[in-house]
């Protein structure tokens, strides 16, 4: 019997999509979008990147987004290579 290849989808609209936006989208709206994306059941969601706001102003509030996101993550583990993993375990 033939085995199909495993497909892993990584959602990157918050990182890639926000970087091309000209308008400043409020943190609350970004968190609402992330919440809606997480409700789809996706396992790999990139929430942003820690870059200089001078060059990518859309990522200026990534720390605030992560703080708020941690509050709405239910029974999942948020893992970030940039943060101490133990802080985000539930």
PDB file of N, CA and C in Angstrom:
ATOM      1  N   UNK A   1       0.841  -1.185   0.000  1.00  0.00           N
ATOM      2  CA  UNK A   1       0.000   0.000   0.000  1.00  0.00           C
ATOM      3  C   UNK A   1       0.888   1.251   0.000  1.00  0.00           C
ATOM      4  N   UNK A   2       0.566   2.213  -0.810  1.00  0.00           N
ATOM      5  CA  UNK A   2       1.352   3.436  -0.945  1.00  0.00           C
ATOM      6  C   UNK A   2       1.091   4.393   0.208  1.00  0.00           C
ATOM      7  N   UNK A   3       2.166   4.967   0.739  1.00  0.00           N
ATOM      8  CA  UNK A   3       2.045   5.954   1.803  1.00  0.00           C
ATOM      9  C   UNK A   3       2.105   7.348   1.192  1.00  0.00           C
ATOM     10  N   UNK A   4       1.170   8.180   1.572  1.00  0.00           N
ATOM     11  CA  UNK A   4       1.158   9.555   1.087  1.00  0.00           C
ATOM     12  C   UNK A   4       2.136  10.386   1.912  1.00  0.00           C
ATOM     13  N   UNK A   5       2.742  11.376   1.289  1.00  0.00           N
ATOM     14  CA  UNK A   5       3.668  12.223   2.049  1.00  0.00           C
ATOM     15  C   UNK A   5       2.906  13.042   3.092  1.00  0.00           C
ATOM     16  N   UNK A   6       3.578  13.321   4.175  1.00  0.00           N
ATOM     17  CA  UNK A   6       2.987  14.134   5.235  1.00  0.00           C
ATOM     18  C   UNK A   6       3.102  15.613   4.846  1.00  0.00           C
ATOM     19  N   UNK A   7       2.011  16.345   4.993  1.00  0.00           N
ATOM     20  CA  UNK A   7       1.993  17.767   4.686  1.00  0.00           C
ATOM     21  C   UNK A   7       1.854  18.526   6.004  1.00  0.00           C
ATOM     22  N   UNK A   8       2.766  19.445   6.233  1.00  0.00           N
ATOM     23  CA  UNK A   8       2.708  20.295   7.420  1.00  0.00           C
ATOM     24  C   UNK A   8       2.474  21.715   6.939  1.00  0.00           C
ATOM     25  N   UNK A   9       1.351  22.294   7.345  1.00  0.00           N
ATOM     26  CA  UNK A   9       0.999  23.651   6.942  1.00  0.00           C
ATOM     27  C   UNK A   9       1.394  24.603   8.057  1.00  0.00           C
ATOM     28  N   UNK A  10       2.110  25.643   7.728  1.00  0.00           N
ATOM     29  CA  UNK A  10       2.496  26.656   8.693  1.00  0.00           C
ATOM     30  C   UNK A  10       1.860  27.973   8.268  1.00  0.00           C
ATOM     31  N   UNK A  11       0.946  28.472   9.075  1.00  0.00           N
ATOM     32  CA  UNK A  11       0.258  29.727   8.789  1.00  0.00           C
ATOM     33  C   UNK A  11       1.166  30.903   9.130  1.00  0.00           C
ATOM     34  N   UNK A  12       1.421  31.787   8.167  1.00  0.00           N
ATOM     35  CA  UNK A  12       2.321  32.913   8.377  1.00  0.00           C
ATOM     36  C   UNK A  12       1.697  34.264   8.022  1.00  0.00           C
ATOM     37  N   UNK A  13       0.370  34.349   8.006  1.00  0.00           N
ATOM     38  CA  UNK A  13      -0.249  35.614   7.608  1.00  0.00           C
ATOM     39  C   UNK A  13       0.066  36.739   8.579  1.00  0.00           C
ATOM     40  N   UNK A  14       0.250  36.433   9.850  1.00  0.00           N
ATOM     41  CA  UNK A  14       0.538  37.485  10.824  1.00  0.00           C
ATOM     42  C   UNK A  14       1.950  38.039  10.655  1.00  0.00           C
ATOM     43  N   UNK A  15       2.868  37.238  10.189  1.00  0.00           N
ATOM     44  CA  UNK A  15       4.229  37.733   9.991  1.00  0.00           C
ATOM     45  C   UNK A  15       4.394  38.279   8.584  1.00  0.00           C
ATOM     46  N   UNK A  16       4.130  37.460   7.604  1.00  0.00           N
ATOM     47  CA  UNK A  16       4.309  37.877   6.208  1.00  0.00           C
ATOM     48  C   UNK A  16       3.251  38.886   5.774  1.00  0.00           C
ATOM     49  N   UNK A  17       2.016  38.634   6.130  1.00  0.00           N
ATOM     50  CA  UNK A  17       0.923  39.501   5.703  1.00  0.00           C
ATOM     51  C   UNK A  17       0.956  40.871   6.329  1.00  0.00           C
ATOM     52  N   UNK A  18       1.261  40.934   7.624  1.00  0.00           N
ATOM     53  CA  UNK A  18       1.281  42.230   8.310  1.00  0.00           C
ATOM     54  C   UNK A  18       2.440  43.101   7.844  1.00  0.00           C
ATOM     55  N   UNK A  19       3.535  42.505   7.431  1.00  0.00           N
ATOM     56  CA  UNK A  19       4.695  43.294   7.013  1.00  0.00           C
ATOM     57  C   UNK A  19       4.422  44.117   5.762  1.00  0.00           C
ATOM     58  N   UNK A  20       3.464  43.701   4.958  1.00  0.00           N
ATOM     59  CA  UNK A  20       3.197  44.437   3.719  1.00  0.00           C
ATOM     60  C   UNK A  20       2.069  45.456   3.865  1.00  0.00           C
ATOM     61  N   UNK A  21       1.446  45.493   5.038  1.00  0.00           N
ATOM     62  CA  UNK A  21       0.353  46.443   5.270  1.00  0.00           C
ATOM     63  C   UNK A  21       0.901  47.851   5.465  1.00  0.00           C
ATOM     64  N   UNK A  22       0.247  48.831   4.865  1.00  0.00           N
ATOM     65  CA  UNK A  22       0.640  50.227   5.023  1.00  0.00           C
ATOM     66  C   UNK A  22       0.038  50.862   6.275  1.00  0.00           C
ATOM     67  N   UNK A  23      -1.104  50.368   6.676  1.00  0.00           N
ATOM     68  CA  UNK A  23      -1.795  50.965   7.817  1.00  0.00           C
ATOM     69  C   UNK A  23      -1.344  50.306   9.114  1.00  0.00           C
ATOM     70  N   UNK A  24      -1.477  51.054  10.193  1.00  0.00           N
ATOM     71  CA  UNK A  24      -1.162  50.521  11.512  1.00  0.00           C
ATOM     72  C   UNK A  24      -2.395  49.805  12.057  1.00  0.00           C
ATOM     73  N   UNK A  25      -2.336  48.511  12.141  1.00  0.00           N
ATOM     74  CA  UNK A  25      -3.454  47.715  12.647  1.00  0.00           C
ATOM     75  C   UNK A  25      -3.298  47.593  14.160  1.00  0.00           C
ATOM     76  N   UNK A  26      -4.327  47.964  14.919  1.00  0.00           N
ATOM     77  CA  UNK A  26      -4.226  47.916  16.383  1.00  0.00           C
ATOM     78  C   UNK A  26      -3.955  46.499  16.900  1.00  0.00           C
ATOM     79  N   UNK A  27      -3.275  46.435  18.031  1.00  0.00           N
ATOM     80  CA  UNK A  27      -2.921  45.163  18.655  1.00  0.00           C
ATOM     81  C   UNK A  27      -4.170  44.315  18.889  1.00  0.00           C
ATOM     82  N   UNK A  28      -5.227  44.924  19.368  1.00  0.00           N
ATOM     83  CA  UNK A  28      -6.461  44.182  19.668  1.00  0.00           C
ATOM     84  C   UNK A  28      -6.988  43.462  18.422  1.00  0.00           C
ATOM     85  N   UNK A  29      -6.944  44.108  17.272  1.00  0.00           N
ATOM     86  CA  UNK A  29      -7.411  43.467  16.036  1.00  0.00           C
ATOM     87  C   UNK A  29      -6.483  42.327  15.616  1.00  0.00           C
ATOM     88  N   UNK A  30      -5.186  42.491  15.836  1.00  0.00           N
ATOM     89  CA  UNK A  30      -4.250  41.417  15.510  1.00  0.00           C
ATOM     90  C   UNK A  30      -4.495  40.202  16.396  1.00  0.00           C
ATOM     91  N   UNK A  31      -4.753  40.451  17.680  1.00  0.00           N
ATOM     92  CA  UNK A  31      -5.029  39.353  18.609  1.00  0.00           C
ATOM     93  C   UNK A  31      -6.340  38.659  18.224  1.00  0.00           C
ATOM     94  N   UNK A  32      -7.349  39.430  17.828  1.00  0.00           N
ATOM     95  CA  UNK A  32      -8.620  38.830  17.389  1.00  0.00           C
ATOM     96  C   UNK A  32      -8.410  37.965  16.150  1.00  0.00           C
ATOM     97  N   UNK A  33      -7.587  38.433  15.213  1.00  0.00           N
ATOM     98  CA  UNK A  33      -7.287  37.641  14.023  1.00  0.00           C
ATOM     99  C   UNK A  33      -6.556  36.358  14.394  1.00  0.00           C
ATOM    100  N   UNK A  34      -5.572  36.452  15.276  1.00  0.00           N
ATOM    101  CA  UNK A  34      -4.852  35.252  15.723  1.00  0.00           C
ATOM    102  C   UNK A  34      -5.782  34.274  16.425  1.00  0.00           C
ATOM    103  N   UNK A  35      -6.693  34.795  17.226  1.00  0.00           N
ATOM    104  CA  UNK A  35      -7.662  33.946  17.906  1.00  0.00           C
ATOM    105  C   UNK A  35      -8.523  33.209  16.886  1.00  0.00           C
ATOM    106  N   UNK A  36      -8.984  33.910  15.864  1.00  0.00           N
ATOM    107  CA  UNK A  36      -9.806  33.279  14.819  1.00  0.00           C
ATOM    108  C   UNK A  36      -9.000  32.231  14.048  1.00  0.00           C
ATOM    109  N   UNK A  37      -7.739  32.546  13.748  1.00  0.00           N
ATOM    110  CA  UNK A  37      -6.894  31.580  13.043  1.00  0.00           C
ATOM    111  C   UNK A  37      -6.694  30.341  13.902  1.00  0.00           C
ATOM    112  N   UNK A  38      -6.464  30.527  15.192  1.00  0.00           N
ATOM    113  CA  UNK A  38      -6.230  29.378  16.074  1.00  0.00           C
ATOM    114  C   UNK A  38      -7.465  28.498  16.194  1.00  0.00           C
ATOM    115  N   UNK A  39      -8.650  29.072  16.050  1.00  0.00           N
ATOM    116  CA  UNK A  39      -9.884  28.283  16.131  1.00  0.00           C
ATOM    117  C   UNK A  39     -10.083  27.369  14.930  1.00  0.00           C
ATOM    118  N   UNK A  40      -9.294  27.559  13.872  1.00  0.00           N
ATOM    119  CA  UNK A  40      -9.402  26.683  12.701  1.00  0.00           C
ATOM    120  C   UNK A  40      -8.778  25.322  12.952  1.00  0.00           C
ATOM    121  N   UNK A  41      -7.982  25.211  14.018  1.00  0.00           N
ATOM    122  CA  UNK A  41      -7.340  23.939  14.325  1.00  0.00           C
ATOM    123  C   UNK A  41      -5.917  23.817  13.809  1.00  0.00           C
ATOM    124  N   UNK A  42      -5.409  24.875  13.190  1.00  0.00           N
ATOM    125  CA  UNK A  42      -4.028  24.833  12.715  1.00  0.00           C
ATOM    126  C   UNK A  42      -3.079  24.647  13.893  1.00  0.00           C
ATOM    127  N   UNK A  43      -2.062  23.849  13.682  1.00  0.00           N
ATOM    128  CA  UNK A  43      -1.104  23.556  14.745  1.00  0.00           C
ATOM    129  C   UNK A  43       0.127  24.459  14.701  1.00  0.00           C
ATOM    130  N   UNK A  44       0.456  25.022  13.549  1.00  0.00           N
ATOM    131  CA  UNK A  44       1.647  25.850  13.386  1.00  0.00           C
ATOM    132  C   UNK A  44       1.261  27.238  12.899  1.00  0.00           C
ATOM    133  N   UNK A  45       1.273  28.195  13.815  1.00  0.00           N
ATOM    134  CA  UNK A  45       0.904  29.568  13.478  1.00  0.00           C
ATOM    135  C   UNK A  45       2.057  30.483  13.879  1.00  0.00           C
ATOM    136  N   UNK A  46       2.614  31.176  12.909  1.00  0.00           N
ATOM    137  CA  UNK A  46       3.677  32.143  13.168  1.00  0.00           C
ATOM    138  C   UNK A  46       2.995  33.463  13.499  1.00  0.00           C
ATOM    139  N   UNK A  47       3.255  33.987  14.693  1.00  0.00           N
ATOM    140  CA  UNK A  47       2.516  35.170  15.141  1.00  0.00           C
ATOM    141  C   UNK A  47       3.220  36.486  14.851  1.00  0.00           C
ATOM    142  N   UNK A  48       4.462  36.449  14.442  1.00  0.00           N
ATOM    143  CA  UNK A  48       5.179  37.682  14.133  1.00  0.00           C
ATOM    144  C   UNK A  48       6.669  37.445  14.180  1.00  0.00           C
ATOM    145  N   UNK A  49       7.406  38.530  14.185  1.00  0.00           N
ATOM    146  CA  UNK A  49       8.857  38.412  14.287  1.00  0.00           C
ATOM    147  C   UNK A  49       9.400  39.597  15.074  1.00  0.00           C
ATOM    148  N   UNK A  50      10.481  39.344  15.771  1.00  0.00           N
ATOM    149  CA  UNK A  50      11.131  40.380  16.555  1.00  0.00           C
ATOM    150  C   UNK A  50      12.162  41.065  15.677  1.00  0.00           C
ATOM    151  N   UNK A  51      11.733  42.125  15.045  1.00  0.00           N
ATOM    152  CA  UNK A  51      12.590  42.892  14.141  1.00  0.00           C
ATOM    153  C   UNK A  51      12.536  44.352  14.558  1.00  0.00           C
ATOM    154  N   UNK A  52      13.424  45.135  14.011  1.00  0.00           N
ATOM    155  CA  UNK A  52      13.463  46.552  14.343  1.00  0.00           C
ATOM    156  C   UNK A  52      12.208  47.256  13.839  1.00  0.00           C
ATOM    157  N   UNK A  53      11.490  47.953  14.732  1.00  0.00           N
ATOM    158  CA  UNK A  53      10.314  48.712  14.294  1.00  0.00           C
ATOM    159  C   UNK A  53      10.674  49.832  13.336  1.00  0.00           C
ATOM    160  N   UNK A  54      11.935  50.207  13.320  1.00  0.00           N
ATOM    161  CA  UNK A  54      12.387  51.237  12.391  1.00  0.00           C
ATOM    162  C   UNK A  54      12.185  50.779  10.949  1.00  0.00           C
ATOM    163  N   UNK A  55      12.449  49.505  10.705  1.00  0.00           N
ATOM    164  CA  UNK A  55      12.341  48.963   9.347  1.00  0.00           C
ATOM    165  C   UNK A  55      11.024  48.231   9.097  1.00  0.00           C
ATOM    166  N   UNK A  56      10.424  47.693  10.150  1.00  0.00           N
ATOM    167  CA  UNK A  56       9.159  46.977  10.012  1.00  0.00           C
ATOM    168  C   UNK A  56       8.227  47.429  11.140  1.00  0.00           C
ATOM    169  N   UNK A  57       7.609  48.602  10.997  1.00  0.00           N
ATOM    170  CA  UNK A  57       6.783  49.144  12.084  1.00  0.00           C
ATOM    171  C   UNK A  57       5.573  48.281  12.433  1.00  0.00           C
ATOM    172  N   UNK A  58       5.136  47.443  11.512  1.00  0.00           N
ATOM    173  CA  UNK A  58       3.983  46.583  11.773  1.00  0.00           C
ATOM    174  C   UNK A  58       4.284  45.539  12.851  1.00  0.00           C
ATOM    175  N   UNK A  59       5.559  45.265  13.115  1.00  0.00           N
ATOM    176  CA  UNK A  59       5.947  44.284  14.128  1.00  0.00           C
ATOM    177  C   UNK A  59       6.350  44.952  15.440  1.00  0.00           C
ATOM    178  N   UNK A  60       6.116  46.245  15.565  1.00  0.00           N
ATOM    179  CA  UNK A  60       6.564  46.990  16.747  1.00  0.00           C
ATOM    180  C   UNK A  60       5.943  46.484  18.040  1.00  0.00           C
ATOM    181  N   UNK A  61       4.768  45.934  18.002  1.00  0.00           N
ATOM    182  CA  UNK A  61       4.054  45.523  19.217  1.00  0.00           C
ATOM    183  C   UNK A  61       3.987  44.005  19.378  1.00  0.00           C
ATOM    184  N   UNK A  62       4.929  43.278  18.795  1.00  0.00           N
ATOM    185  CA  UNK A  62       4.867  41.814  18.869  1.00  0.00           C
ATOM    186  C   UNK A  62       4.908  41.320  20.313  1.00  0.00           C
ATOM    187  N   UNK A  63       5.632  41.999  21.191  1.00  0.00           N
ATOM    188  CA  UNK A  63       5.670  41.575  22.590  1.00  0.00           C
ATOM    189  C   UNK A  63       4.296  41.707  23.242  1.00  0.00           C
ATOM    190  N   UNK A  64       3.576  42.775  22.945  1.00  0.00           N
ATOM    191  CA  UNK A  64       2.224  42.961  23.477  1.00  0.00           C
ATOM    192  C   UNK A  64       1.265  41.921  22.901  1.00  0.00           C
ATOM    193  N   UNK A  65       1.394  41.620  21.626  1.00  0.00           N
ATOM    194  CA  UNK A  65       0.553  40.588  21.000  1.00  0.00           C
ATOM    195  C   UNK A  65       0.776  39.250  21.686  1.00  0.00           C
ATOM    196  N   UNK A  66       2.026  38.896  21.934  1.00  0.00           N
ATOM    197  CA  UNK A  66       2.322  37.634  22.614  1.00  0.00           C
ATOM    198  C   UNK A  66       1.773  37.608  24.028  1.00  0.00           C
ATOM    199  N   UNK A  67       1.882  38.720  24.754  1.00  0.00           N
ATOM    200  CA  UNK A  67       1.328  38.767  26.114  1.00  0.00           C
ATOM    201  C   UNK A  67      -0.177  38.513  26.093  1.00  0.00           C
ATOM    202  N   UNK A  68      -0.869  39.149  25.175  1.00  0.00           N
ATOM    203  CA  UNK A  68      -2.326  38.964  25.091  1.00  0.00           C
ATOM    204  C   UNK A  68      -2.680  37.588  24.562  1.00  0.00           C
ATOM    205  N   UNK A  69      -1.901  37.098  23.638  1.00  0.00           N
ATOM    206  CA  UNK A  69      -2.166  35.785  23.062  1.00  0.00           C
ATOM    207  C   UNK A  69      -2.022  34.689  24.105  1.00  0.00           C
ATOM    208  N   UNK A  70      -1.055  34.828  24.981  1.00  0.00           N
ATOM    209  CA  UNK A  70      -0.844  33.839  26.028  1.00  0.00           C
ATOM    210  C   UNK A  70      -2.102  33.700  26.872  1.00  0.00           C
ATOM    211  N   UNK A  71      -2.835  34.785  27.071  1.00  0.00           N
ATOM    212  CA  UNK A  71      -4.041  34.750  27.879  1.00  0.00           C
ATOM    213  C   UNK A  71      -5.181  33.997  27.203  1.00  0.00           C
ATOM    214  N   UNK A  72      -5.182  33.930  25.866  1.00  0.00           N
ATOM    215  CA  UNK A  72      -6.292  33.278  25.188  1.00  0.00           C
ATOM    216  C   UNK A  72      -5.967  31.871  24.705  1.00  0.00           C
ATOM    217  N   UNK A  73      -4.709  31.461  24.832  1.00  0.00           N
ATOM    218  CA  UNK A  73      -4.342  30.106  24.425  1.00  0.00           C
ATOM    219  C   UNK A  73      -4.893  29.153  25.473  1.00  0.00           C
ATOM    220  N   UNK A  74      -5.712  28.225  25.054  1.00  0.00           N
ATOM    221  CA  UNK A  74      -6.334  27.287  25.979  1.00  0.00           C
ATOM    222  C   UNK A  74      -5.792  25.879  25.756  1.00  0.00           C
ATOM    223  N   UNK A  75      -5.222  25.296  26.786  1.00  0.00           N
ATOM    224  CA  UNK A  75      -4.704  23.926  26.814  1.00  0.00           C
ATOM    225  C   UNK A  75      -3.715  23.610  25.685  1.00  0.00           C
ATOM    226  N   UNK A  76      -3.088  24.599  25.155  1.00  0.00           N
ATOM    227  CA  UNK A  76      -2.041  24.411  24.144  1.00  0.00           C
ATOM    228  C   UNK A  76      -0.759  24.989  24.698  1.00  0.00           C
ATOM    229  N   UNK A  77       0.341  24.594  24.131  1.00  0.00           N
ATOM    230  CA  UNK A  77       1.628  25.113  24.561  1.00  0.00           C
ATOM    231  C   UNK A  77       2.123  26.088  23.507  1.00  0.00           C
ATOM    232  N   UNK A  78       2.429  27.288  23.931  1.00  0.00           N
ATOM    233  CA  UNK A  78       2.977  28.301  23.032  1.00  0.00           C
ATOM    234  C   UNK A  78       4.486  28.190  23.093  1.00  0.00           C
ATOM    235  N   UNK A  79       5.101  27.929  21.957  1.00  0.00           N
ATOM    236  CA  UNK A  79       6.541  27.773  21.919  1.00  0.00           C
ATOM    237  C   UNK A  79       7.118  28.848  21.016  1.00  0.00           C
ATOM    238  N   UNK A  80       8.110  29.522  21.513  1.00  0.00           N
ATOM    239  CA  UNK A  80       8.790  30.548  20.735  1.00  0.00           C
ATOM    240  C   UNK A  80      10.279  30.415  20.958  1.00  0.00           C
ATOM    241  N   UNK A  81      11.052  30.448  19.885  1.00  0.00           N
ATOM    242  CA  UNK A  81      12.497  30.380  20.076  1.00  0.00           C
ATOM    243  C   UNK A  81      13.054  31.639  20.733  1.00  0.00           C
ATOM    244  N   UNK A  82      12.242  32.680  20.853  1.00  0.00           N
ATOM    245  CA  UNK A  82      12.702  33.946  21.386  1.00  0.00           C
ATOM    246  C   UNK A  82      12.360  34.137  22.859  1.00  0.00           C
ATOM    247  N   UNK A  83      11.515  33.280  23.377  1.00  0.00           N
ATOM    248  CA  UNK A  83      11.060  33.453  24.754  1.00  0.00           C
ATOM    249  C   UNK A  83      11.372  32.216  25.577  1.00  0.00           C
ATOM    250  N   UNK A  84      11.455  32.385  26.880  1.00  0.00           N
ATOM    251  CA  UNK A  84      11.646  31.256  27.777  1.00  0.00           C
ATOM    252  C   UNK A  84      10.398  30.379  27.720  1.00  0.00           C
ATOM    253  N   UNK A  85      10.561  29.168  27.224  1.00  0.00           N
ATOM    254  CA  UNK A  85       9.436  28.258  27.008  1.00  0.00           C
ATOM    255  C   UNK A  85       8.658  27.975  28.282  1.00  0.00           C
ATOM    256  N   UNK A  86       9.318  27.903  29.429  1.00  0.00           N
ATOM    257  CA  UNK A  86       8.653  27.549  30.678  1.00  0.00           C
ATOM    258  C   UNK A  86       7.618  28.585  31.094  1.00  0.00           C
ATOM    259  N   UNK A  87       7.769  29.824  30.624  1.00  0.00           N
ATOM    260  CA  UNK A  87       6.817  30.890  30.949  1.00  0.00           C
ATOM    261  C   UNK A  87       5.461  30.669  30.317  1.00  0.00           C
ATOM    262  N   UNK A  88       5.395  29.865  29.263  1.00  0.00           N
ATOM    263  CA  UNK A  88       4.181  29.764  28.471  1.00  0.00           C
ATOM    264  C   UNK A  88       3.475  28.416  28.573  1.00  0.00           C
ATOM    265  N   UNK A  89       3.918  27.577  29.466  1.00  0.00           N
ATOM    266  CA  UNK A  89       3.265  26.276  29.618  1.00  0.00           C
ATOM    267  C   UNK A  89       2.029  26.412  30.466  1.00  0.00           C
ATOM    268  N   UNK A  90       1.019  25.677  30.079  1.00  0.00           N
ATOM    269  CA  UNK A  90      -0.244  25.686  30.839  1.00  0.00           C
ATOM    270  C   UNK A  90      -0.456  24.344  31.458  1.00  0.00           C
TER     271      UNK A  90
END
